[in-house]
Amino acid sequence: MPVALKRMIVATLLLAAGSAAGAAGPRAEVMHWWTSGGESAAVRTLADAYRAAGGTWLDSAIAGSEQARAVALSRIAGGDPPTAALFNASRQFRDLIDQGLLNNVDAVAERDHWAQFLPASILDAVRVNGHYYAAPVSIHMPTWIWYSKAAFRKAGIAAEPRDFNELFAALDRLKAAGLIPLAHGGQAWQDNIVFRAVLANQGGAALYLQIFRDRDARAIASSEFRAVLTTFKRLHSYVDAGSPGRNWNDATALLITGRAGVQIMGDWVKAEFAGAHQDAGRDYGCIPGFGPRSPYIIQGDAFIFPKSSDPQALRAQLLLAGTVTSGAAQLAFSSRKGSIPIRADIDVHTLDPCAQLGVSIMKDRTRQLGNDESYLTPDQNGAMADVLTDYWNRDRDVAAVQRNIAAALRE
């Protein structure tokens, strides 16, 4: 396509989106899973920004990420898609792209130069074959270690742990003080987060990539990986009897109330702390990893834009893509969600100390790692999660677990 014609089409699409905003306003049904108190407060900032841009936001919230994605896929297959649906910025929606079921938002991405500020793993997820099929809305790091300052004081823990030996020592002191050492929600995806934290911090970036990206059979069978699995299993001895089936935000509530000491979870927990009027550094601490060279795993959320025969839907999608990725919306959303902005070109001094620490670490690209879903297909990811959850909850021979993981990653 000639460059001049392409530019004319881009300008026409953006003008159409703007005209619709100025008239009746494009209506966008936005499907997502942000239903906890802190998440709801965060998504309202996006809805407010969309309305301020002239659109009408129709909120379609479904509890649970897997359930929300399943409903979105069902509606797309049934010919009744939402305007936009939340997915993780990973390979989760690659099949939809391959089947031609998504609209691209190239007009907005090229106008706003997304390629210049998105981290490589996020860019690779939303841009396929040169086209942008999703609008990234957040950067999360899923394996932060959070601790309650009140619980640490009660247990006589003066300094935050600097490695796994010190973490286990702290957990022992918390248990001795009559507290829940490790607040955990016994759900497969949460078990997987704890595993990734151990793999990244104990195994390091090299082993992490050998397992997830390369699916290296020798690395999976190695003594180094065996040690990672042993540490992962040891953490289970510090959870309480109420852990199975617990939601992540209920686990965070145990830290907020000082009943538990530590939680390994993504930085979205800060939205719950904020909702309880607790501040980073005063009421809780955050550890992105052990040591100044610890890997920083990048996990993102993004809105996909299903195909529709309604021209108003395209206008709504373009307006939504431009709105949620704007600097102002990113800053407002991140301050409530606990994430860090997708943009590196905005001032983040108003964000909390943990977010500012994350932004600072992100400047060093050598510390960035993609989330496991960046390297694995959904089937591989699910199969491995099944192995890990079975190991977490039952007595299993570690060597057998290594073989089962190797088999899961061959699928």
Protein backbone atom coordinates (compact mmCIF):
# COMPACT_ATOMS: atom_id res chain seq x y z
CA MET A 1 0.00 0.00 0.00
CA PRO A 2 1.44 3.41 -0.93
CA VAL A 3 2.59 5.43 2.09
CA ALA A 4 0.39 8.41 1.16
CA LEU A 5 -2.72 6.22 0.96
CA LYS A 6 -1.89 4.54 4.25
CA ARG A 7 -1.55 7.91 5.97
CA MET A 8 -4.85 9.05 4.53
CA ILE A 9 -6.60 5.94 5.87
CA VAL A 10 -5.03 6.41 9.30
CA ALA A 11 -6.12 10.05 9.40
CA THR A 12 -9.64 9.14 8.30
CA LEU A 13 -10.01 6.49 10.99
CA LEU A 14 -8.78 8.80 13.73
CA LEU A 15 -11.00 11.61 12.48
CA ALA A 16 -13.97 9.23 12.52
CA ALA A 17 -13.21 8.23 16.09
CA GLY A 18 -12.91 11.87 17.13
CA SER A 19 -16.10 12.85 15.31
CA ALA A 20 -18.01 10.09 17.02
CA ALA A 21 -16.68 11.25 20.37
CA GLY A 22 -17.86 14.77 19.68
CA ALA A 23 -21.34 13.66 18.59
CA ALA A 24 -23.28 10.87 20.26
CA GLY A 25 -20.06 9.35 21.58
CA PRO A 26 -18.96 5.81 20.71
CA ARG A 27 -20.28 3.16 23.09
CA ALA A 28 -17.78 0.60 24.30
CA GLU A 29 -18.73 -2.51 26.21
CA VAL A 30 -15.54 -3.34 28.08
CA MET A 31 -15.23 -6.85 29.52
CA HIS A 32 -12.71 -7.40 32.33
CA TRP A 33 -12.09 -9.27 35.59
CA TRP A 34 -11.16 -6.34 37.83
CA THR A 35 -13.70 -6.90 40.60
CA SER A 36 -11.84 -6.56 43.92
CA GLY A 37 -12.15 -3.27 45.78
CA GLY A 38 -8.83 -1.90 44.62
CA GLU A 39 -9.27 -3.16 41.08
CA SER A 40 -12.71 -1.61 40.80
CA ALA A 41 -11.30 1.75 41.87
CA ALA A 42 -8.59 1.41 39.21
CA VAL A 43 -10.88 0.51 36.34
CA ARG A 44 -13.07 3.50 37.16
CA THR A 45 -10.15 5.76 36.25
CA LEU A 46 -10.15 4.28 32.74
CA ALA A 47 -13.91 4.59 32.46
CA ASP A 48 -13.72 8.22 33.56
CA ALA A 49 -10.97 8.93 31.02
CA TYR A 50 -13.01 7.33 28.23
CA ARG A 51 -16.08 9.37 29.13
CA ALA A 52 -13.96 12.53 29.26
CA ALA A 53 -12.79 11.70 25.72
CA GLY A 54 -16.43 11.66 24.61
CA GLY A 55 -17.23 7.97 24.77
CA THR A 56 -19.74 5.88 26.71
CA TRP A 57 -18.21 3.12 28.85
CA LEU A 58 -20.42 0.07 29.42
CA ASP A 59 -18.78 -1.92 32.20
CA SER A 60 -18.93 -5.72 31.93
CA ALA A 61 -17.05 -7.15 34.92
CA ILE A 62 -16.77 -10.90 35.48
CA ALA A 63 -14.97 -12.23 38.56
CA GLY A 64 -11.97 -14.39 37.77
CA SER A 65 -9.60 -14.00 34.84
CA GLU A 66 -10.21 -17.47 33.40
CA GLN A 67 -13.98 -17.06 33.63
CA ALA A 68 -13.88 -13.60 32.03
CA ARG A 69 -11.74 -14.82 29.14
CA ALA A 70 -14.00 -17.84 28.65
CA VAL A 71 -17.08 -15.62 28.41
CA ALA A 72 -15.31 -13.29 25.97
CA LEU A 73 -14.26 -16.21 23.77
CA SER A 74 -17.77 -17.64 23.85
CA ARG A 75 -19.30 -14.35 22.78
CA ILE A 76 -16.75 -13.87 20.02
CA ALA A 77 -17.47 -17.36 18.71
CA GLY A 78 -21.19 -16.69 18.97
CA GLY A 79 -21.08 -13.49 16.93
CA ASP A 80 -21.93 -11.20 19.86
CA PRO A 81 -18.52 -9.86 20.91
CA PRO A 82 -17.90 -7.06 23.41
CA THR A 83 -16.18 -3.95 22.07
CA ALA A 84 -13.06 -4.80 24.04
CA ALA A 85 -12.03 -7.64 26.34
CA LEU A 86 -9.21 -7.90 28.83
CA PHE A 87 -6.50 -10.51 28.29
CA ASN A 88 -2.98 -10.84 29.60
CA ALA A 89 -0.36 -9.42 27.26
CA SER A 90 0.92 -12.82 26.23
CA ARG A 91 0.12 -15.58 23.76
CA GLN A 92 -3.39 -15.94 25.19
CA PHE A 93 -5.07 -14.28 22.20
CA ARG A 94 -2.75 -15.46 19.43
CA ASP A 95 -5.32 -17.98 18.16
CA LEU A 96 -7.86 -15.17 17.78
CA ILE A 97 -5.38 -13.23 15.65
CA ASP A 98 -4.58 -16.28 13.54
CA GLN A 99 -8.30 -16.86 12.92
CA GLY A 100 -8.85 -13.25 11.85
CA LEU A 101 -11.21 -12.54 14.74
CA LEU A 102 -9.62 -9.30 15.98
CA ASN A 103 -9.48 -5.76 14.64
CA ASN A 104 -6.14 -4.02 14.71
CA VAL A 105 -5.59 -0.56 16.16
CA ASP A 106 -2.60 0.32 13.99
CA ALA A 107 -3.92 3.85 13.51
CA VAL A 108 -3.53 4.65 17.19
CA ALA A 109 -0.34 2.67 17.76
CA GLU A 110 1.45 4.37 14.89
CA ARG A 111 0.18 7.82 15.79
CA ASP A 112 1.29 7.45 19.42
CA HIS A 113 4.54 5.58 18.68
CA TRP A 114 3.88 2.54 20.86
CA ALA A 115 6.96 0.76 19.53
CA GLN A 116 9.17 3.43 21.07
CA PHE A 117 8.13 2.92 24.69
CA LEU A 118 6.73 -0.60 25.13
CA PRO A 119 9.00 -3.27 26.69
CA ALA A 120 9.96 -5.98 24.23
CA SER A 121 7.83 -8.72 25.82
CA ILE A 122 4.70 -6.53 25.80
CA LEU A 123 5.37 -5.30 22.27
CA ASP A 124 5.82 -8.86 21.02
CA ALA A 125 2.45 -9.80 22.52
CA VAL A 126 0.35 -6.96 21.09
CA ARG A 127 2.10 -6.61 17.70
CA VAL A 128 1.88 -9.60 15.39
CA ASN A 129 3.05 -9.55 11.78
CA GLY A 130 3.41 -5.79 11.97
CA HIS A 131 -0.14 -5.12 13.23
CA TYR A 132 -1.30 -4.09 16.71
CA TYR A 133 -4.18 -6.24 17.94
CA ALA A 134 -4.34 -5.13 21.58
CA ALA A 135 -3.86 -2.00 23.67
CA PRO A 136 -1.57 -2.61 26.65
CA VAL A 137 -2.86 -1.03 29.82
CA SER A 138 -0.47 -2.07 32.59
CA ILE A 139 2.87 -3.56 33.52
CA HIS A 140 2.81 -5.78 36.56
CA MET A 141 5.55 -7.75 38.25
CA PRO A 142 3.93 -10.90 39.64
CA THR A 143 6.57 -12.14 42.10
CA TRP A 144 6.98 -9.35 44.65
CA ILE A 145 7.46 -10.39 48.28
CA TRP A 146 5.22 -8.30 50.57
CA TYR A 147 5.39 -8.15 54.34
CA SER A 148 3.37 -6.61 57.14
CA LYS A 149 5.39 -4.18 59.23
CA ALA A 150 3.11 -4.83 62.21
CA ALA A 151 3.58 -8.59 61.95
CA PHE A 152 7.34 -8.24 61.61
CA ARG A 153 7.43 -6.05 64.74
CA LYS A 154 5.37 -8.57 66.68
CA ALA A 155 7.72 -11.37 65.61
CA GLY A 156 10.83 -9.31 66.42
CA ILE A 157 12.07 -9.20 62.81
CA ALA A 158 14.16 -6.05 62.42
CA ALA A 159 15.26 -6.26 58.78
CA GLU A 160 13.67 -7.49 55.58
CA PRO A 161 15.00 -10.79 54.20
CA ARG A 162 17.80 -10.63 51.64
CA ASP A 163 17.75 -14.25 50.47
CA PHE A 164 15.75 -17.43 50.95
CA ASN A 165 17.67 -18.43 54.07
CA GLU A 166 16.71 -15.16 55.73
CA LEU A 167 13.14 -15.49 54.43
CA PHE A 168 12.77 -18.93 56.02
CA ALA A 169 14.24 -17.58 59.27
CA ALA A 170 11.64 -14.79 59.22
CA LEU A 171 8.83 -17.27 58.51
CA ASP A 172 9.96 -19.37 61.47
CA ARG A 173 9.82 -16.32 63.76
CA LEU A 174 6.37 -15.40 62.48
CA LYS A 175 5.14 -18.92 63.21
CA ALA A 176 6.65 -18.79 66.70
CA ALA A 177 4.81 -15.51 67.32
CA GLY A 178 1.48 -17.20 66.58
CA LEU A 179 1.00 -15.53 63.19
CA ILE A 180 0.37 -17.00 59.74
CA PRO A 181 3.86 -16.94 58.23
CA LEU A 182 2.89 -17.08 54.54
CA ALA A 183 -0.51 -15.75 53.46
CA HIS A 184 -1.40 -17.73 50.37
CA GLY A 185 -4.43 -18.45 48.26
CA GLY A 186 -4.40 -22.11 47.33
CA GLN A 187 -5.35 -21.68 43.68
CA ALA A 188 -3.33 -23.00 40.77
CA TRP A 189 -2.37 -19.60 39.37
CA GLN A 190 -1.23 -18.43 42.81
CA ASP A 191 0.83 -21.59 43.33
CA ASN A 192 2.44 -20.84 39.97
CA ILE A 193 3.37 -17.32 41.10
CA VAL A 194 5.19 -18.68 44.15
CA PHE A 195 7.03 -21.14 41.93
CA ARG A 196 8.12 -18.40 39.52
CA ALA A 197 9.38 -16.32 42.44
CA VAL A 198 11.58 -19.17 43.59
CA LEU A 199 12.77 -20.01 40.08
CA ALA A 200 13.67 -16.40 39.25
CA ASN A 201 15.38 -15.61 42.55
CA GLN A 202 17.05 -18.91 43.38
CA GLY A 203 17.62 -20.27 39.89
CA GLY A 204 18.33 -16.89 38.30
CA ALA A 205 17.51 -15.56 34.86
CA ALA A 206 19.56 -18.23 33.06
CA LEU A 207 17.68 -21.18 34.56
CA TYR A 208 14.35 -19.37 34.24
CA LEU A 209 14.85 -18.98 30.50
CA GLN A 210 16.15 -22.52 30.08
CA ILE A 211 12.96 -23.84 31.66
CA PHE A 212 10.31 -21.57 30.14
CA ARG A 213 11.75 -20.30 26.88
CA ASP A 214 14.03 -23.15 25.84
CA ARG A 215 12.21 -26.01 27.59
CA ASP A 216 15.64 -27.56 27.95
CA ALA A 217 15.32 -31.18 29.10
CA ARG A 218 18.76 -31.19 30.73
CA ALA A 219 17.99 -28.02 32.69
CA ILE A 220 14.68 -29.48 33.87
CA ALA A 221 16.49 -32.63 35.06
CA SER A 222 19.34 -30.68 36.69
CA SER A 223 20.22 -30.53 40.38
CA GLU A 224 19.77 -26.74 40.22
CA PHE A 225 16.16 -27.12 39.19
CA ARG A 226 15.65 -29.84 41.78
CA ALA A 227 16.80 -27.35 44.43
CA VAL A 228 14.27 -24.80 43.14
CA LEU A 229 11.46 -27.33 43.44
CA THR A 230 12.59 -28.28 46.94
CA THR A 231 12.51 -24.64 48.08
CA PHE A 232 9.10 -24.17 46.47
CA LYS A 233 7.70 -27.17 48.35
CA ARG A 234 9.27 -26.04 51.64
CA LEU A 235 7.26 -22.82 51.49
CA HIS A 236 4.05 -24.85 51.68
CA SER A 237 4.83 -25.72 55.31
CA TYR A 238 4.27 -22.07 56.26
CA VAL A 239 0.70 -21.61 54.92
CA ASP A 240 -2.34 -21.98 57.14
CA ALA A 241 -5.19 -24.50 56.98
CA GLY A 242 -7.49 -21.92 55.39
CA SER A 243 -5.24 -21.45 52.37
CA PRO A 244 -6.91 -23.84 49.87
CA GLY A 245 -9.26 -21.94 47.56
CA ARG A 246 -8.57 -18.56 49.17
CA ASN A 247 -8.71 -15.54 46.85
CA TRP A 248 -5.55 -13.49 46.51
CA ASN A 249 -7.13 -10.33 47.96
CA ASP A 250 -8.31 -12.27 51.01
CA ALA A 251 -4.70 -13.36 51.53
CA THR A 252 -3.64 -9.72 51.28
CA ALA A 253 -6.27 -8.82 53.88
CA LEU A 254 -4.41 -11.08 56.32
CA LEU A 255 -1.36 -8.84 55.93
CA ILE A 256 -3.45 -5.68 56.19
CA THR A 257 -4.90 -6.83 59.52
CA GLY A 258 -1.51 -8.00 60.82
CA ARG A 259 -2.62 -11.63 61.09
CA ALA A 260 -0.02 -12.80 58.55
CA GLY A 261 3.52 -11.77 57.79
CA VAL A 262 4.41 -12.45 54.16
CA GLN A 263 2.68 -12.82 50.80
CA ILE A 264 4.26 -13.61 47.42
CA MET A 265 2.05 -11.96 44.83
CA GLY A 266 1.94 -9.39 42.06
CA ASP A 267 1.99 -5.66 42.65
CA TRP A 268 -1.78 -5.48 42.21
CA VAL A 269 -1.95 -6.16 45.97
CA LYS A 270 -1.09 -2.49 46.50
CA ALA A 271 -4.59 -1.56 45.42
CA GLU A 272 -5.89 -3.48 48.44
CA PHE A 273 -3.39 -1.80 50.76
CA ALA A 274 -4.41 1.58 49.37
CA GLY A 275 -8.08 0.78 49.88
CA ALA A 276 -7.28 0.09 53.54
CA HIS A 277 -5.37 3.40 53.79
CA GLN A 278 -2.04 1.67 54.30
CA ASP A 279 1.16 3.08 52.85
CA ALA A 280 4.29 1.46 51.46
CA GLY A 281 7.23 1.83 53.82
CA ARG A 282 5.04 2.69 56.79
CA ASP A 283 2.57 -0.20 56.96
CA TYR A 284 4.02 -2.73 54.56
CA GLY A 285 7.26 -3.49 52.80
CA CYS A 286 7.95 -4.67 49.26
CA ILE A 287 10.83 -6.78 47.97
CA PRO A 288 11.09 -7.04 44.16
CA GLY A 289 13.73 -9.77 44.44
CA PHE A 290 16.79 -10.86 46.35
CA GLY A 291 19.82 -8.79 45.41
CA PRO A 292 20.45 -5.86 43.08
CA ARG A 293 20.62 -8.10 40.02
CA SER A 294 17.46 -10.12 40.69
CA PRO A 295 15.28 -10.71 37.62
CA TYR A 296 12.20 -8.52 37.15
CA ILE A 297 9.37 -10.47 35.52
CA ILE A 298 7.11 -8.45 33.25
CA GLN A 299 3.44 -9.32 33.16
CA GLY A 300 0.93 -7.09 31.43
CA ASP A 301 -2.76 -6.63 30.79
CA ALA A 302 -4.17 -5.57 27.45
CA PHE A 303 -7.52 -4.98 25.79
CA ILE A 304 -8.21 -6.93 22.61
CA PHE A 305 -10.69 -5.67 20.02
CA PRO A 306 -12.97 -8.34 18.51
CA LYS A 307 -14.12 -8.07 14.90
CA SER A 308 -17.49 -6.47 14.42
CA SER A 309 -19.62 -5.51 11.44
CA ASP A 310 -20.70 -2.34 13.25
CA PRO A 311 -18.66 0.70 12.12
CA GLN A 312 -19.43 2.35 15.46
CA ALA A 313 -17.55 -0.47 17.19
CA LEU A 314 -14.35 0.36 15.29
CA ARG A 315 -14.67 4.00 16.28
CA ALA A 316 -15.16 3.00 19.89
CA GLN A 317 -12.15 0.66 19.74
CA LEU A 318 -9.85 3.33 18.33
CA LEU A 319 -10.95 5.86 20.93
CA LEU A 320 -10.53 3.31 23.71
CA ALA A 321 -7.05 2.27 22.54
CA GLY A 322 -5.88 5.87 22.47
CA THR A 323 -7.45 6.70 25.82
CA VAL A 324 -6.16 3.82 27.97
CA THR A 325 -2.60 4.22 26.67
CA SER A 326 -2.45 8.00 27.17
CA GLY A 327 -0.05 9.37 29.75
CA ALA A 328 -2.74 10.85 31.99
CA ALA A 329 -4.85 7.69 32.03
CA GLN A 330 -1.79 5.53 32.65
CA LEU A 331 -0.72 7.57 35.65
CA ALA A 332 -4.22 7.63 37.17
CA PHE A 333 -4.75 3.92 36.58
CA SER A 334 -1.33 2.86 37.92
CA SER A 335 -1.80 4.88 41.11
CA ARG A 336 -4.91 2.81 41.90
CA LYS A 337 -4.06 -0.56 40.36
CA GLY A 338 -0.56 -0.99 41.78
CA SER A 339 0.97 -1.47 38.34
CA ILE A 340 3.54 0.74 36.68
CA PRO A 341 2.74 2.67 33.49
CA ILE A 342 3.42 1.13 30.10
CA ARG A 343 5.02 4.44 29.11
CA ALA A 344 8.56 5.42 30.02
CA ASP A 345 7.99 9.05 29.03
CA ILE A 346 5.84 10.22 31.95
CA ASP A 347 6.72 11.57 35.40
CA VAL A 348 6.03 8.92 38.08
CA HIS A 349 7.08 10.83 41.19
CA THR A 350 3.49 10.76 42.48
CA LEU A 351 3.39 6.95 42.50
CA ASP A 352 4.16 4.96 45.66
CA PRO A 353 7.76 3.98 46.57
CA CYS A 354 7.28 0.37 45.42
CA ALA A 355 6.08 1.52 41.99
CA GLN A 356 8.98 3.95 41.71
CA LEU A 357 11.35 1.10 42.58
CA GLY A 358 9.80 -0.99 39.81
CA VAL A 359 10.13 1.84 37.29
CA SER A 360 13.78 2.25 38.26
CA ILE A 361 14.51 -1.46 37.83
CA MET A 362 12.76 -1.49 34.45
CA LYS A 363 15.34 0.96 33.13
CA ASP A 364 17.88 -1.87 33.24
CA ARG A 365 16.77 -4.11 30.38
CA THR A 366 19.18 -6.86 31.46
CA ARG A 367 16.95 -7.50 34.48
CA GLN A 368 13.75 -7.83 32.45
CA LEU A 369 12.25 -11.27 31.96
CA GLY A 370 9.06 -12.18 30.18
CA ASN A 371 6.28 -13.85 32.11
CA ASP A 372 6.00 -17.61 31.58
CA GLU A 373 3.00 -17.02 29.30
CA SER A 374 5.31 -15.09 26.98
CA TYR A 375 7.15 -18.32 26.20
CA LEU A 376 4.56 -21.07 26.63
CA THR A 377 1.35 -21.87 24.80
CA PRO A 378 -1.80 -21.84 26.94
CA ASP A 379 -1.83 -25.65 26.83
CA GLN A 380 1.77 -25.90 28.01
CA ASN A 381 1.17 -23.35 30.73
CA GLY A 382 -1.92 -25.16 31.96
CA ALA A 383 -0.21 -28.55 31.96
CA MET A 384 2.73 -27.22 33.96
CA ALA A 385 0.43 -25.46 36.42
CA ASP A 386 -1.35 -28.77 37.02
CA VAL A 387 1.95 -30.46 37.86
CA LEU A 388 3.02 -27.68 40.20
CA THR A 389 -0.29 -27.51 42.06
CA ASP A 390 -0.32 -31.29 42.51
CA TYR A 391 3.23 -31.11 43.90
CA TRP A 392 2.35 -28.15 46.15
CA ASN A 393 -0.57 -29.98 47.74
CA ARG A 394 0.63 -33.60 47.87
CA ASP A 395 3.72 -35.61 48.72
CA ARG A 396 5.51 -36.23 45.45
CA ASP A 397 8.99 -37.43 44.57
CA VAL A 398 10.92 -34.44 43.23
CA ALA A 399 12.51 -36.46 40.43
CA ALA A 400 9.05 -37.54 39.29
CA VAL A 401 7.92 -33.91 39.33
CA GLN A 402 10.87 -32.99 37.13
CA ARG A 403 9.86 -35.68 34.64
CA ASN A 404 6.24 -34.53 34.71
CA ILE A 405 7.26 -30.93 34.03
CA ALA A 406 9.39 -32.05 31.10
CA ALA A 407 6.39 -33.95 29.72
CA ALA A 408 4.08 -30.97 30.26
CA LEU A 409 6.39 -28.65 28.36
CA ARG A 410 6.66 -31.05 25.42
CA GLU A 411 2.90 -30.81 24.73
